[in-house]
């Protein structure tokens, strides 16, 4: 299954992958060698810590590589956003409570649900996809049904809305 993401999201994914592969993994591998040279490995905390870090790095590299392989780069600025789609910022009205909510539909790695950036795979996003202004839709939750109406669909750059943009300092396992 393809994983939609913006070009900025893809670039960040590749940046983290390259950093872990070319900088972090060799550094930790060297730490492991230095610790191993200090003698008895069974009680060598530095050796075991480096070994554990390498395991975490390898798992993260495997995960990132699978996302890179499945990625489908989408430029949401190229769409009209007449209907809710990847990259759309959608203002909806909760019909029961009469409260407005705003969500931006994005990829898994770009999502920040606490800031209104929701994955296109989420039940709410899937219910909105393909709907236009004034369309109503329902979403089933474990203990309730919610009904919404779409009030507005617009395009706002996903990364201009993100609050937690990972960078090299966040990629490290030190």
Protein backbone atom coordinates (compact mmCIF):
# COMPACT_ATOMS: atom_id res chain seq x y z
CA UNK A 1 0.00 0.00 0.00
CA UNK A 2 1.36 3.42 -0.95
CA UNK A 3 1.95 5.97 1.79
CA UNK A 4 1.06 9.52 0.70
CA UNK A 5 3.33 12.35 1.84
CA UNK A 6 4.36 15.82 0.82
CA UNK A 7 7.76 16.48 -0.76
CA UNK A 8 8.87 18.17 2.48
CA UNK A 9 7.78 15.07 4.45
CA UNK A 10 9.67 12.80 2.05
CA UNK A 11 12.80 14.97 2.20
CA UNK A 12 12.73 14.85 6.02
CA UNK A 13 12.33 11.05 5.92
CA UNK A 14 15.35 10.67 3.61
CA UNK A 15 17.36 13.15 5.71
CA UNK A 16 16.78 11.09 8.85
CA UNK A 17 17.56 7.82 7.03
CA UNK A 18 20.86 9.18 5.63
CA UNK A 19 21.86 10.69 8.98
CA UNK A 20 21.26 7.42 10.84
CA UNK A 21 23.04 5.36 8.17
CA UNK A 22 26.01 7.66 7.48
CA UNK A 23 26.61 9.40 10.82
CA UNK A 24 24.83 7.83 13.78
CA UNK A 25 25.36 4.13 13.04
CA UNK A 26 29.12 4.43 12.34
CA UNK A 27 29.56 6.58 15.49
CA UNK A 28 27.76 4.05 17.70
CA UNK A 29 29.57 1.13 16.03
CA UNK A 30 32.86 2.84 16.92
CA UNK A 31 31.66 3.30 20.54
CA UNK A 32 30.89 -0.43 20.62
CA UNK A 33 34.39 -1.32 19.34
CA UNK A 34 36.06 0.97 21.89
CA UNK A 35 33.96 -0.51 24.71
CA UNK A 36 34.64 -4.07 23.51
CA UNK A 37 38.40 -3.39 23.64
CA UNK A 38 38.10 -2.65 27.36
CA UNK A 39 37.89 -6.33 28.21
CA UNK A 40 35.14 -8.44 29.77
CA UNK A 41 31.94 -7.77 27.83
CA UNK A 42 29.58 -9.48 30.29
CA UNK A 43 29.80 -6.60 32.78
CA UNK A 44 30.69 -3.82 30.35
CA UNK A 45 27.83 -1.28 30.50
CA UNK A 46 29.24 0.88 27.68
CA UNK A 47 29.44 -2.13 25.36
CA UNK A 48 25.85 -3.21 26.14
CA UNK A 49 24.55 0.36 25.77
CA UNK A 50 26.20 0.72 22.35
CA UNK A 51 24.88 -2.68 21.28
CA UNK A 52 21.35 -1.66 22.33
CA UNK A 53 21.66 1.69 20.50
CA UNK A 54 22.70 -0.15 17.34
CA UNK A 55 19.58 -2.32 17.62
CA UNK A 56 17.38 0.78 17.92
CA UNK A 57 19.13 2.42 14.95
CA UNK A 58 18.74 -0.71 12.81
CA UNK A 59 15.03 -0.96 13.67
CA UNK A 60 14.50 2.71 12.84
CA UNK A 61 16.43 2.34 9.57
CA UNK A 62 14.29 -0.66 8.62
CA UNK A 63 11.08 1.29 9.38
CA UNK A 64 12.24 4.41 7.51
CA UNK A 65 13.37 2.34 4.52
CA UNK A 66 9.97 0.64 4.30
CA UNK A 67 8.26 4.07 4.36
CA UNK A 68 10.61 5.37 1.66
CA UNK A 69 9.81 2.32 -0.50
CA UNK A 70 6.04 2.81 -0.03
CA UNK A 71 6.05 6.60 -0.31
CA UNK A 72 3.86 8.36 -2.81
CA UNK A 73 4.93 12.00 -3.07
CA UNK A 74 1.98 14.30 -3.58
CA UNK A 75 2.07 18.05 -4.15
CA UNK A 76 -1.19 19.23 -2.56
CA UNK A 77 -0.65 22.79 -3.82
CA UNK A 78 -1.39 21.48 -7.34
CA UNK A 79 -4.98 20.49 -6.42
CA UNK A 80 -8.04 22.74 -6.57
CA UNK A 81 -9.24 21.44 -3.16
CA UNK A 82 -12.87 21.64 -4.25
CA UNK A 83 -13.19 18.25 -2.53
CA UNK A 84 -11.36 17.10 0.59
CA UNK A 85 -8.13 15.34 -0.38
CA UNK A 86 -4.52 14.90 0.72
CA UNK A 87 -3.24 18.29 1.92
CA UNK A 88 -6.70 19.85 2.32
CA UNK A 89 -7.43 21.88 5.43
CA UNK A 90 -11.08 21.19 6.14
CA UNK A 91 -13.33 23.14 8.49
CA UNK A 92 -16.20 20.95 9.67
CA UNK A 93 -19.23 21.54 11.85
CA UNK A 94 -20.17 18.97 14.47
CA UNK A 95 -23.93 18.93 13.86
CA UNK A 96 -24.76 17.72 17.38
CA UNK A 97 -22.64 20.24 19.32
CA UNK A 98 -22.64 23.06 16.71
CA UNK A 99 -18.86 23.36 17.19
CA UNK A 100 -16.42 23.96 14.37
CA UNK A 101 -13.31 21.81 14.04
CA UNK A 102 -10.40 22.22 11.61
CA UNK A 103 -8.28 19.35 10.29
CA UNK A 104 -5.55 19.03 7.69
CA UNK A 105 -5.31 15.69 5.88
CA UNK A 106 -1.71 14.51 5.66
CA UNK A 107 0.60 11.49 5.72
CA UNK A 108 1.31 9.32 8.76
CA UNK A 109 4.74 10.85 9.46
CA UNK A 110 3.41 14.38 9.00
CA UNK A 111 0.42 13.93 11.30
CA UNK A 112 0.09 15.73 14.63
CA UNK A 113 -3.48 14.99 15.74
CA UNK A 114 -3.09 17.29 18.75
CA UNK A 115 -2.56 20.17 16.26
CA UNK A 116 -5.28 19.16 13.78
CA UNK A 117 -2.97 17.37 11.31
CA UNK A 118 -4.56 13.95 10.84
CA UNK A 119 -3.43 10.97 8.80
CA UNK A 120 -5.39 10.23 5.63
CA UNK A 121 -5.79 6.72 7.10
CA UNK A 122 -7.70 7.94 10.18
CA UNK A 123 -11.45 7.22 10.26
CA UNK A 124 -12.30 10.94 10.29
CA UNK A 125 -10.07 11.71 7.28
CA UNK A 126 -11.37 8.70 5.34
CA UNK A 127 -14.95 9.88 5.97
CA UNK A 128 -14.10 13.38 4.65
CA UNK A 129 -12.17 12.34 1.53
CA UNK A 130 -13.91 13.25 -1.69
CA UNK A 131 -16.58 15.34 0.04
CA UNK A 132 -17.23 18.99 -0.85
CA UNK A 133 -18.48 22.08 0.95
CA UNK A 134 -21.98 21.58 2.45
CA UNK A 135 -21.65 17.77 2.22
CA UNK A 136 -22.55 15.90 5.38
CA UNK A 137 -20.92 12.74 6.62
CA UNK A 138 -21.09 10.41 9.59
CA UNK A 139 -18.37 8.67 11.51
CA UNK A 140 -18.90 5.66 13.76
CA UNK A 141 -16.96 5.63 17.01
CA UNK A 142 -16.90 2.75 19.51
CA UNK A 143 -19.62 4.31 21.70
CA UNK A 144 -21.24 6.88 19.44
CA UNK A 145 -21.97 8.19 15.97
CA UNK A 146 -20.94 11.70 15.02
CA UNK A 147 -22.37 13.72 12.19
CA UNK A 148 -20.54 16.58 10.48
CA UNK A 149 -21.00 19.10 7.70
CA UNK A 150 -18.09 20.46 5.68
CA UNK A 151 -18.01 24.27 5.90
CA UNK A 152 -14.76 25.10 4.10
CA UNK A 153 -11.94 23.39 2.19
CA UNK A 154 -8.67 25.19 1.55
CA UNK A 155 -5.00 24.54 1.00
CA UNK A 156 -2.49 25.53 3.68
CA UNK A 157 1.04 24.07 3.50
CA UNK A 158 1.24 21.11 5.92
CA UNK A 159 4.67 22.12 7.24
CA UNK A 160 3.51 25.67 7.99
CA UNK A 161 0.99 24.09 10.40
CA UNK A 162 3.33 21.58 12.05
CA UNK A 163 4.58 22.35 15.54
CA UNK A 164 7.00 19.40 15.89
CA UNK A 165 9.39 19.30 12.95
CA UNK A 166 12.13 16.75 13.59
CA UNK A 167 15.73 17.67 12.80
CA UNK A 168 19.19 16.13 13.19
CA UNK A 169 19.21 16.71 16.96
CA UNK A 170 16.03 14.58 17.13
CA UNK A 171 17.46 11.75 14.98
CA UNK A 172 20.29 10.91 17.36
CA UNK A 173 20.25 8.03 19.83
CA UNK A 174 22.78 9.61 22.26
